[in-house]
Every structure is written in C-alpha cells, then in structure tokens.
Amino acid sequence: MWKHVARTAVATLAFCAVHSLLASRPAKRTAANLIGERRRRVWYRPFYVATSFASVAMLARYIKRLPDRTLYALEGPPATLIRLLRLGISAYAAAAVGQIGPARMLGLPGLKAWWNGAHLVPPEPEAQGPILGSDGRMQAEGPFRLMRHPLNALAVPVLWLTPRLTANGLAFNLVATAYAYLGSRHEEARLLAAYGEPYEEYRSSGTPFFFPSASSLLRLGGLPQEKSATRVPKVSA
C-alpha cells in the first residue's frame, strides 16, 4: 500500500511543479521572447488553462488506477452534512471567481481582441487576485475581504470535506494542501510585482493571507483602511 501512496504523492508533486512553473513570470517572459508579447497575451492564458485541465485529468486517472484502501466511509446524515458544507464552500469560492472575472481567468478577452483584429490585446489577470480598480486600489470584494487568496484557501476544506477517504486520497490531500499554501506565497509575490503599491496597501490592510481571522469575519462591510493609492501601479502582462 505504501508504494502506491508514495506514487500518488510523487505524481501530485510533479503536477504542482509543472502548474507552478507555467504560472511563473519567467515562463511568461520566455513565451513572449519566443512568440512575441502580443501573441503571448492572446494564447498563453488559454494554453495554461487547457494544460491545467488536461494535467488534472491525467493525474486523477493515474491515481484512480492505483490500488487503494479505504480509511473511512461515512453514510447517512453525516455524509449529507459534509456534502452540503462542501457545496456551500464551493459556492463561496465561485464568488471569488466572479470577482476576478471568469472570462479573464480563461483568457477570453485576449482571444476576442485577436479575433477582432485589435492591435492592443488586454493582459490576463496576474494570478488569482482581486482586480485593480479605476481609483488605483485593489477591488477586494466578497471573499477577498476575508482572505487574500480565497480560491487556494477554500480549496483546502473542499478537499478534506469528503465522506470517504482513501490512503491515496490522503496522500493527495496532504500534498495539495501544502501546495495551496506555498503556491499562495508564490502568487503573492507575483501580485506584488505586478501591482506594486496598491497591492501592498491591500496586503497591509489587515486582510489575512490565507484563512480568515475573527476580526476579518467581523469586517465584512469593507476594508479597514480608506486611504487611496497615490502611485500609478505597474500592471504586468
């Protein structure tokens, strides 16, 4: 059994490494050097999304084919409660997707600009952070008021809230949880490099990094600071 658990962990680590590498700024710069910045803006995000879905499917298929053992299995009301909690958290994560913009996350604005023959192609969102508003501040609404990386953070309870857990599933969850946290550190650096002072203002506003705090839960009305950014930020493609 342990051999298959180890294979699951290694395969998940490989997926995380590739996913993180493709999301990095050096990878985007390399793509721009190879095909030009305009083409990179058009094609890189759709390529990244397609690669992510394909690699997740390959990983899931690989793990599913490995011999496994059930650690626990819940039935009846406890299983129903866990599924409802998972559904509620997933719905709240969808609110974060709505804040970023599903079309922007998929790279559709760039494809639309290319299809229409536009010379200027809008940049894709830099990581999974809040968008930059016209007032020069990060528009931290919804889940972004409670935590700076809600999609990664909310993925953790979605992983663990399962009525049935296997040994391979446990290995996957442990690696994926660590990646969600460490990947958010990587994401934080990219957002800070892309948006500069507005993101630093958001980061120092008291909004927790990963999981919400008691004070952030009581602050649902908005961010604690009202000052506006005074410097024009650098927006990265």
C-alpha atoms as a PDB file:
ATOM      1  CA  MET A   1       0.000   0.000   0.000  1.00  0.00           C
ATOM      2  CA  TRP A   2       2.743   2.458   0.931  1.00  0.00           C
ATOM      3  CA  LYS A   3       4.290   2.121  -2.525  1.00  0.00           C
ATOM      4  CA  HIS A   4       1.073   3.339  -4.118  1.00  0.00           C
ATOM      5  CA  VAL A   5       0.700   6.121  -1.562  1.00  0.00           C
ATOM      6  CA  ALA A   6       4.234   7.266  -2.425  1.00  0.00           C
ATOM      7  CA  ARG A   7       3.439   7.146  -6.151  1.00  0.00           C
ATOM      8  CA  THR A   8       0.363   9.273  -5.542  1.00  0.00           C
ATOM      9  CA  ALA A   9       2.398  11.848  -3.610  1.00  0.00           C
ATOM     10  CA  VAL A  10       5.156  11.980  -6.247  1.00  0.00           C
ATOM     11  CA  ALA A  11       2.666  12.314  -9.111  1.00  0.00           C
ATOM     12  CA  THR A  12       0.870  15.121  -7.263  1.00  0.00           C
ATOM     13  CA  LEU A  13       4.175  16.873  -6.594  1.00  0.00           C
ATOM     14  CA  ALA A  14       5.038  16.641 -10.298  1.00  0.00           C
ATOM     15  CA  PHE A  15       1.681  18.187 -11.215  1.00  0.00           C
ATOM     16  CA  CYS A  16       2.210  21.012  -8.701  1.00  0.00           C
ATOM     17  CA  ALA A  17       5.711  21.711 -10.034  1.00  0.00           C
ATOM     18  CA  VAL A  18       4.535  21.960 -13.652  1.00  0.00           C
ATOM     19  CA  HIS A  19       1.497  24.042 -12.699  1.00  0.00           C
ATOM     20  CA  SER A  20       3.634  26.472 -10.696  1.00  0.00           C
ATOM     21  CA  LEU A  21       6.307  26.698 -13.398  1.00  0.00           C
ATOM     22  CA  LEU A  22       3.801  27.569 -16.119  1.00  0.00           C
ATOM     23  CA  ALA A  23       2.237  30.236 -13.885  1.00  0.00           C
ATOM     24  CA  SER A  24       5.570  31.923 -13.179  1.00  0.00           C
ATOM     25  CA  ARG A  25       6.640  35.262 -14.613  1.00  0.00           C
ATOM     26  CA  PRO A  26       9.856  33.776 -16.127  1.00  0.00           C
ATOM     27  CA  ALA A  27       7.733  31.300 -18.098  1.00  0.00           C
ATOM     28  CA  LYS A  28       5.610  34.155 -19.439  1.00  0.00           C
ATOM     29  CA  ARG A  29       8.716  36.153 -20.368  1.00  0.00           C
ATOM     30  CA  THR A  30      10.132  33.131 -22.175  1.00  0.00           C
ATOM     31  CA  ALA A  31       6.892  32.733 -24.118  1.00  0.00           C
ATOM     32  CA  ALA A  32       6.954  36.433 -25.035  1.00  0.00           C
ATOM     33  CA  ASN A  33      10.537  36.110 -26.276  1.00  0.00           C
ATOM     34  CA  LEU A  34       9.587  33.118 -28.418  1.00  0.00           C
ATOM     35  CA  ILE A  35       6.314  34.270 -29.973  1.00  0.00           C
ATOM     36  CA  GLY A  36       6.103  37.997 -29.171  1.00  0.00           C
ATOM     37  CA  GLU A  37       4.241  39.818 -26.429  1.00  0.00           C
ATOM     38  CA  ARG A  38       1.015  40.264 -28.391  1.00  0.00           C
ATOM     39  CA  ARG A  39       0.717  36.558 -29.232  1.00  0.00           C
ATOM     40  CA  ARG A  40       1.630  35.660 -25.686  1.00  0.00           C
ATOM     41  CA  ARG A  41      -1.228  37.793 -24.379  1.00  0.00           C
ATOM     42  CA  VAL A  42      -3.598  36.081 -26.781  1.00  0.00           C
ATOM     43  CA  TRP A  43      -2.587  32.454 -26.347  1.00  0.00           C
ATOM     44  CA  TYR A  44      -0.739  31.938 -23.086  1.00  0.00           C
ATOM     45  CA  ARG A  45      -3.708  32.050 -20.720  1.00  0.00           C
ATOM     46  CA  PRO A  46      -5.907  29.683 -22.805  1.00  0.00           C
ATOM     47  CA  PHE A  47      -2.897  27.371 -23.144  1.00  0.00           C
ATOM     48  CA  TYR A  48      -2.320  27.493 -19.384  1.00  0.00           C
ATOM     49  CA  VAL A  49      -5.970  26.751 -18.605  1.00  0.00           C
ATOM     50  CA  ALA A  50      -6.139  23.885 -21.127  1.00  0.00           C
ATOM     51  CA  THR A  51      -2.889  22.437 -19.794  1.00  0.00           C
ATOM     52  CA  SER A  52      -4.174  22.660 -16.217  1.00  0.00           C
ATOM     53  CA  PHE A  53      -7.415  20.828 -17.021  1.00  0.00           C
ATOM     54  CA  ALA A  54      -5.587  18.175 -19.033  1.00  0.00           C
ATOM     55  CA  SER A  55      -2.955  17.574 -16.340  1.00  0.00           C
ATOM     56  CA  VAL A  56      -5.622  17.363 -13.602  1.00  0.00           C
ATOM     57  CA  ALA A  57      -7.481  14.761 -15.655  1.00  0.00           C
ATOM     58  CA  MET A  58      -4.278  12.786 -16.230  1.00  0.00           C
ATOM     59  CA  LEU A  59      -3.383  12.927 -12.535  1.00  0.00           C
ATOM     60  CA  ALA A  60      -6.866  11.828 -11.468  1.00  0.00           C
ATOM     61  CA  ARG A  61      -6.809   8.930 -13.922  1.00  0.00           C
ATOM     62  CA  TYR A  62      -3.354   7.830 -12.760  1.00  0.00           C
ATOM     63  CA  ILE A  63      -4.304   7.892  -9.065  1.00  0.00           C
ATOM     64  CA  LYS A  64      -7.618   6.136  -9.708  1.00  0.00           C
ATOM     65  CA  ARG A  65      -5.841   3.227 -11.391  1.00  0.00           C
ATOM     66  CA  LEU A  66      -3.535   2.639  -8.420  1.00  0.00           C
ATOM     67  CA  PRO A  67      -4.519   0.043  -5.823  1.00  0.00           C
ATOM     68  CA  ASP A  68      -6.025   1.790  -2.828  1.00  0.00           C
ATOM     69  CA  ARG A  69      -7.553   1.223   0.610  1.00  0.00           C
ATOM     70  CA  THR A  70     -10.463   2.992   2.272  1.00  0.00           C
ATOM     71  CA  LEU A  71      -9.564   4.723   5.528  1.00  0.00           C
ATOM     72  CA  TYR A  72     -13.094   5.725   6.447  1.00  0.00           C
ATOM     73  CA  ALA A  73     -16.508   5.994   4.814  1.00  0.00           C
ATOM     74  CA  LEU A  74     -19.457   7.919   6.227  1.00  0.00           C
ATOM     75  CA  GLU A  75     -23.082   7.326   5.357  1.00  0.00           C
ATOM     76  CA  GLY A  76     -26.448   8.839   6.165  1.00  0.00           C
ATOM     77  CA  PRO A  77     -26.834  12.311   7.762  1.00  0.00           C
ATOM     78  CA  PRO A  78     -23.077  12.820   8.484  1.00  0.00           C
ATOM     79  CA  ALA A  79     -22.234  12.210   4.822  1.00  0.00           C
ATOM     80  CA  THR A  80     -25.050  14.531   3.709  1.00  0.00           C
ATOM     81  CA  LEU A  81     -23.880  17.274   6.076  1.00  0.00           C
ATOM     82  CA  ILE A  82     -20.319  17.034   4.767  1.00  0.00           C
ATOM     83  CA  ARG A  83     -21.531  17.243   1.171  1.00  0.00           C
ATOM     84  CA  LEU A  84     -23.657  20.300   1.965  1.00  0.00           C
ATOM     85  CA  LEU A  85     -20.714  22.031   3.666  1.00  0.00           C
ATOM     86  CA  ARG A  86     -18.549  21.260   0.667  1.00  0.00           C
ATOM     87  CA  LEU A  87     -21.182  22.631  -1.693  1.00  0.00           C
ATOM     88  CA  GLY A  88     -21.510  25.834   0.334  1.00  0.00           C
ATOM     89  CA  ILE A  89     -17.758  26.425   0.390  1.00  0.00           C
ATOM     90  CA  SER A  90     -17.550  25.744  -3.354  1.00  0.00           C
ATOM     91  CA  ALA A  91     -20.293  28.303  -3.950  1.00  0.00           C
ATOM     92  CA  TYR A  92     -18.389  30.864  -1.911  1.00  0.00           C
ATOM     93  CA  ALA A  93     -15.260  30.114  -3.942  1.00  0.00           C
ATOM     94  CA  ALA A  94     -17.323  30.759  -7.073  1.00  0.00           C
ATOM     95  CA  ALA A  95     -17.911  34.279  -5.732  1.00  0.00           C
ATOM     96  CA  ALA A  96     -14.135  34.808  -5.821  1.00  0.00           C
ATOM     97  CA  VAL A  97     -14.095  33.618  -9.426  1.00  0.00           C
ATOM     98  CA  GLY A  98     -16.825  36.136 -10.175  1.00  0.00           C
ATOM     99  CA  GLN A  99     -14.754  38.899  -8.589  1.00  0.00           C
ATOM    100  CA  ILE A 100     -11.728  38.095 -10.754  1.00  0.00           C
ATOM    101  CA  GLY A 101     -13.877  37.546 -13.832  1.00  0.00           C
ATOM    102  CA  PRO A 102     -14.412  34.065 -15.349  1.00  0.00           C
ATOM    103  CA  ALA A 103     -13.769  35.340 -18.870  1.00  0.00           C
ATOM    104  CA  ARG A 104     -10.488  36.964 -17.804  1.00  0.00           C
ATOM    105  CA  MET A 105      -9.387  33.804 -16.000  1.00  0.00           C
ATOM    106  CA  LEU A 106      -9.986  31.808 -19.192  1.00  0.00           C
ATOM    107  CA  GLY A 107      -8.176  34.354 -21.369  1.00  0.00           C
ATOM    108  CA  LEU A 108     -11.265  35.175 -23.442  1.00  0.00           C
ATOM    109  CA  PRO A 109     -10.655  38.969 -23.724  1.00  0.00           C
ATOM    110  CA  GLY A 110      -7.331  38.298 -25.442  1.00  0.00           C
ATOM    111  CA  LEU A 111      -8.906  35.824 -27.842  1.00  0.00           C
ATOM    112  CA  LYS A 112     -11.707  38.274 -28.590  1.00  0.00           C
ATOM    113  CA  ALA A 113      -9.212  41.069 -29.326  1.00  0.00           C
ATOM    114  CA  TRP A 114      -7.254  38.747 -31.637  1.00  0.00           C
ATOM    115  CA  TRP A 115     -10.446  37.620 -33.401  1.00  0.00           C
ATOM    116  CA  ASN A 116     -11.458  41.234 -33.981  1.00  0.00           C
ATOM    117  CA  GLY A 117      -8.005  42.114 -35.272  1.00  0.00           C
ATOM    118  CA  ALA A 118      -7.261  44.583 -32.472  1.00  0.00           C
ATOM    119  CA  HIS A 119      -3.665  45.734 -32.242  1.00  0.00           C
ATOM    120  CA  LEU A 120      -3.772  46.092 -28.460  1.00  0.00           C
ATOM    121  CA  VAL A 121      -4.521  42.908 -26.519  1.00  0.00           C
ATOM    122  CA  PRO A 122      -5.511  43.289 -22.839  1.00  0.00           C
ATOM    123  CA  PRO A 123      -3.316  41.463 -20.324  1.00  0.00           C
ATOM    124  CA  GLU A 124      -4.663  38.464 -18.468  1.00  0.00           C
ATOM    125  CA  PRO A 125      -5.162  38.713 -14.686  1.00  0.00           C
ATOM    126  CA  GLU A 126      -1.932  38.360 -12.754  1.00  0.00           C
ATOM    127  CA  ALA A 127      -2.570  35.256 -10.655  1.00  0.00           C
ATOM    128  CA  GLN A 128      -5.859  34.806  -8.762  1.00  0.00           C
ATOM    129  CA  GLY A 129      -6.022  38.159  -7.031  1.00  0.00           C
ATOM    130  CA  PRO A 130      -8.549  40.993  -6.944  1.00  0.00           C
ATOM    131  CA  ILE A 131      -8.721  43.314  -9.923  1.00  0.00           C
ATOM    132  CA  LEU A 132      -7.282  46.824  -9.950  1.00  0.00           C
ATOM    133  CA  GLY A 133      -9.992  49.483  -9.871  1.00  0.00           C
ATOM    134  CA  SER A 134     -10.072  52.783 -11.736  1.00  0.00           C
ATOM    135  CA  ASP A 135      -9.293  54.539  -8.440  1.00  0.00           C
ATOM    136  CA  GLY A 136      -5.890  52.830  -8.253  1.00  0.00           C
ATOM    137  CA  ARG A 137      -6.876  50.446  -5.463  1.00  0.00           C
ATOM    138  CA  MET A 138      -7.370  46.693  -5.409  1.00  0.00           C
ATOM    139  CA  GLN A 139     -11.086  45.931  -5.604  1.00  0.00           C
ATOM    140  CA  ALA A 140     -11.154  43.437  -2.743  1.00  0.00           C
ATOM    141  CA  GLU A 141     -14.805  42.422  -2.626  1.00  0.00           C
ATOM    142  CA  GLY A 142     -16.572  39.274  -1.458  1.00  0.00           C
ATOM    143  CA  PRO A 143     -14.162  36.531  -0.344  1.00  0.00           C
ATOM    144  CA  PHE A 144     -11.201  38.856  -0.955  1.00  0.00           C
ATOM    145  CA  ARG A 145     -12.350  40.855   2.074  1.00  0.00           C
ATOM    146  CA  LEU A 146     -11.787  37.819   4.276  1.00  0.00           C
ATOM    147  CA  MET A 147      -8.531  36.457   2.832  1.00  0.00           C
ATOM    148  CA  ARG A 148      -6.067  37.469   0.158  1.00  0.00           C
ATOM    149  CA  HIS A 149      -6.024  34.069  -1.588  1.00  0.00           C
ATOM    150  CA  PRO A 150      -9.562  32.705  -1.259  1.00  0.00           C
ATOM    151  CA  LEU A 151      -9.506  30.269  -4.187  1.00  0.00           C
ATOM    152  CA  ASN A 152      -6.466  28.456  -2.837  1.00  0.00           C
ATOM    153  CA  ALA A 153      -7.612  28.651   0.780  1.00  0.00           C
ATOM    154  CA  LEU A 154     -11.156  27.457   0.107  1.00  0.00           C
ATOM    155  CA  ALA A 155      -9.824  24.529  -1.916  1.00  0.00           C
ATOM    156  CA  VAL A 156      -8.407  23.074   1.314  1.00  0.00           C
ATOM    157  CA  PRO A 157     -11.712  22.389   3.132  1.00  0.00           C
ATOM    158  CA  VAL A 158     -13.251  21.260  -0.173  1.00  0.00           C
ATOM    159  CA  LEU A 159     -10.521  18.620  -0.388  1.00  0.00           C
ATOM    160  CA  TRP A 160     -10.907  17.406   3.178  1.00  0.00           C
ATOM    161  CA  LEU A 161     -14.691  17.545   3.457  1.00  0.00           C
ATOM    162  CA  THR A 162     -15.313  14.153   1.934  1.00  0.00           C
ATOM    163  CA  PRO A 163     -17.499  11.344   3.263  1.00  0.00           C
ATOM    164  CA  ARG A 164     -14.950   8.791   2.049  1.00  0.00           C
ATOM    165  CA  LEU A 165     -11.188   8.987   2.322  1.00  0.00           C
ATOM    166  CA  THR A 166      -8.683   6.509   0.947  1.00  0.00           C
ATOM    167  CA  ALA A 167      -4.951   6.130   1.562  1.00  0.00           C
ATOM    168  CA  ASN A 168      -4.088   7.558  -1.851  1.00  0.00           C
ATOM    169  CA  GLY A 169      -6.626  10.318  -1.303  1.00  0.00           C
ATOM    170  CA  LEU A 170      -4.931  11.188   1.969  1.00  0.00           C
ATOM    171  CA  ALA A 171      -1.552  11.462   0.211  1.00  0.00           C
ATOM    172  CA  PHE A 172      -3.054  13.645  -2.493  1.00  0.00           C
ATOM    173  CA  ASN A 173      -4.795  15.900   0.038  1.00  0.00           C
ATOM    174  CA  LEU A 174      -1.637  16.394   2.099  1.00  0.00           C
ATOM    175  CA  VAL A 175       0.459  17.387  -0.911  1.00  0.00           C
ATOM    176  CA  ALA A 176      -2.320  19.532  -2.401  1.00  0.00           C
ATOM    177  CA  THR A 177      -2.874  21.347   0.902  1.00  0.00           C
ATOM    178  CA  ALA A 178       0.819  22.164   1.201  1.00  0.00           C
ATOM    179  CA  TYR A 179       0.837  23.340  -2.414  1.00  0.00           C
ATOM    180  CA  ALA A 180      -2.225  25.530  -1.882  1.00  0.00           C
ATOM    181  CA  TYR A 181      -0.398  27.377   0.893  1.00  0.00           C
ATOM    182  CA  LEU A 182       3.055  27.536  -0.717  1.00  0.00           C
ATOM    183  CA  GLY A 183       1.520  28.356  -4.085  1.00  0.00           C
ATOM    184  CA  SER A 184      -0.247  31.289  -2.461  1.00  0.00           C
ATOM    185  CA  ARG A 185       3.152  32.573  -1.317  1.00  0.00           C
ATOM    186  CA  HIS A 186       4.320  32.382  -4.920  1.00  0.00           C
ATOM    187  CA  GLU A 187       1.119  34.060  -6.075  1.00  0.00           C
ATOM    188  CA  GLU A 188       1.552  36.827  -3.514  1.00  0.00           C
ATOM    189  CA  ALA A 189       4.995  37.681  -4.885  1.00  0.00           C
ATOM    190  CA  ARG A 190       3.649  37.818  -8.443  1.00  0.00           C
ATOM    191  CA  LEU A 191       0.747  40.079  -7.456  1.00  0.00           C
ATOM    192  CA  LEU A 192       3.068  42.411  -5.557  1.00  0.00           C
ATOM    193  CA  ALA A 193       5.464  42.602  -8.514  1.00  0.00           C
ATOM    194  CA  ALA A 194       2.584  43.281 -10.900  1.00  0.00           C
ATOM    195  CA  TYR A 195       0.582  45.873  -8.944  1.00  0.00           C
ATOM    196  CA  GLY A 196       3.111  47.395  -6.566  1.00  0.00           C
ATOM    197  CA  GLU A 197       1.786  49.922  -4.056  1.00  0.00           C
ATOM    198  CA  PRO A 198      -1.951  49.168  -4.455  1.00  0.00           C
ATOM    199  CA  TYR A 199      -1.350  45.529  -3.635  1.00  0.00           C
ATOM    200  CA  GLU A 200       0.966  46.416  -0.764  1.00  0.00           C
ATOM    201  CA  GLU A 201      -1.807  48.619   0.605  1.00  0.00           C
ATOM    202  CA  TYR A 202      -4.223  45.713   0.352  1.00  0.00           C
ATOM    203  CA  ARG A 203      -1.703  43.366   1.959  1.00  0.00           C
ATOM    204  CA  SER A 204      -1.149  45.722   4.896  1.00  0.00           C
ATOM    205  CA  SER A 205      -4.874  46.407   5.344  1.00  0.00           C
ATOM    206  CA  GLY A 206      -5.325  43.603   7.856  1.00  0.00           C
ATOM    207  CA  THR A 207      -6.876  41.122   5.433  1.00  0.00           C
ATOM    208  CA  PRO A 208      -5.402  37.710   6.370  1.00  0.00           C
ATOM    209  CA  PHE A 209      -3.100  35.926   3.962  1.00  0.00           C
ATOM    210  CA  PHE A 210      -4.789  32.519   3.772  1.00  0.00           C
ATOM    211  CA  PHE A 211      -7.591  31.673   6.197  1.00  0.00           C
ATOM    212  CA  PRO A 212      -9.936  34.354   7.591  1.00  0.00           C
ATOM    213  CA  SER A 213      -9.424  35.608  11.121  1.00  0.00           C
ATOM    214  CA  ALA A 214     -12.114  36.502  13.656  1.00  0.00           C
ATOM    215  CA  SER A 215     -11.513  40.216  13.023  1.00  0.00           C
ATOM    216  CA  SER A 216     -11.845  39.811   9.247  1.00  0.00           C
ATOM    217  CA  LEU A 217     -15.131  37.950   9.712  1.00  0.00           C
ATOM    218  CA  LEU A 218     -16.425  40.931  11.696  1.00  0.00           C
ATOM    219  CA  ARG A 219     -15.246  43.314   8.982  1.00  0.00           C
ATOM    220  CA  LEU A 220     -17.487  42.137   6.157  1.00  0.00           C
ATOM    221  CA  GLY A 221     -18.569  45.708   5.471  1.00  0.00           C
ATOM    222  CA  GLY A 222     -15.271  46.563   3.763  1.00  0.00           C
ATOM    223  CA  LEU A 223     -11.551  47.040   4.142  1.00  0.00           C
ATOM    224  CA  PRO A 224     -10.329  48.766   7.293  1.00  0.00           C
ATOM    225  CA  GLN A 225      -8.252  51.407   5.512  1.00  0.00           C
ATOM    226  CA  GLU A 226      -9.739  54.211   3.446  1.00  0.00           C
ATOM    227  CA  LYS A 227      -6.603  55.777   2.011  1.00  0.00           C
ATOM    228  CA  SER A 228      -6.161  55.640  -1.741  1.00  0.00           C
ATOM    229  CA  ALA A 229      -3.067  54.634  -3.605  1.00  0.00           C
ATOM    230  CA  THR A 230      -1.170  57.656  -4.860  1.00  0.00           C
ATOM    231  CA  ARG A 231       1.241  55.981  -7.217  1.00  0.00           C
ATOM    232  CA  VAL A 232       0.297  54.744 -10.665  1.00  0.00           C
ATOM    233  CA  PRO A 233       0.871  50.984 -10.494  1.00  0.00           C
ATOM    234  CA  LYS A 234       2.804  48.876 -12.916  1.00  0.00           C
ATOM    235  CA  VAL A 235       0.467  46.337 -14.460  1.00  0.00           C
ATOM    236  CA  SER A 236       2.114  43.181 -15.707  1.00  0.00           C
ATOM    237  CA  ALA A 237       1.003  41.168 -18.655  1.00  0.00           C
END
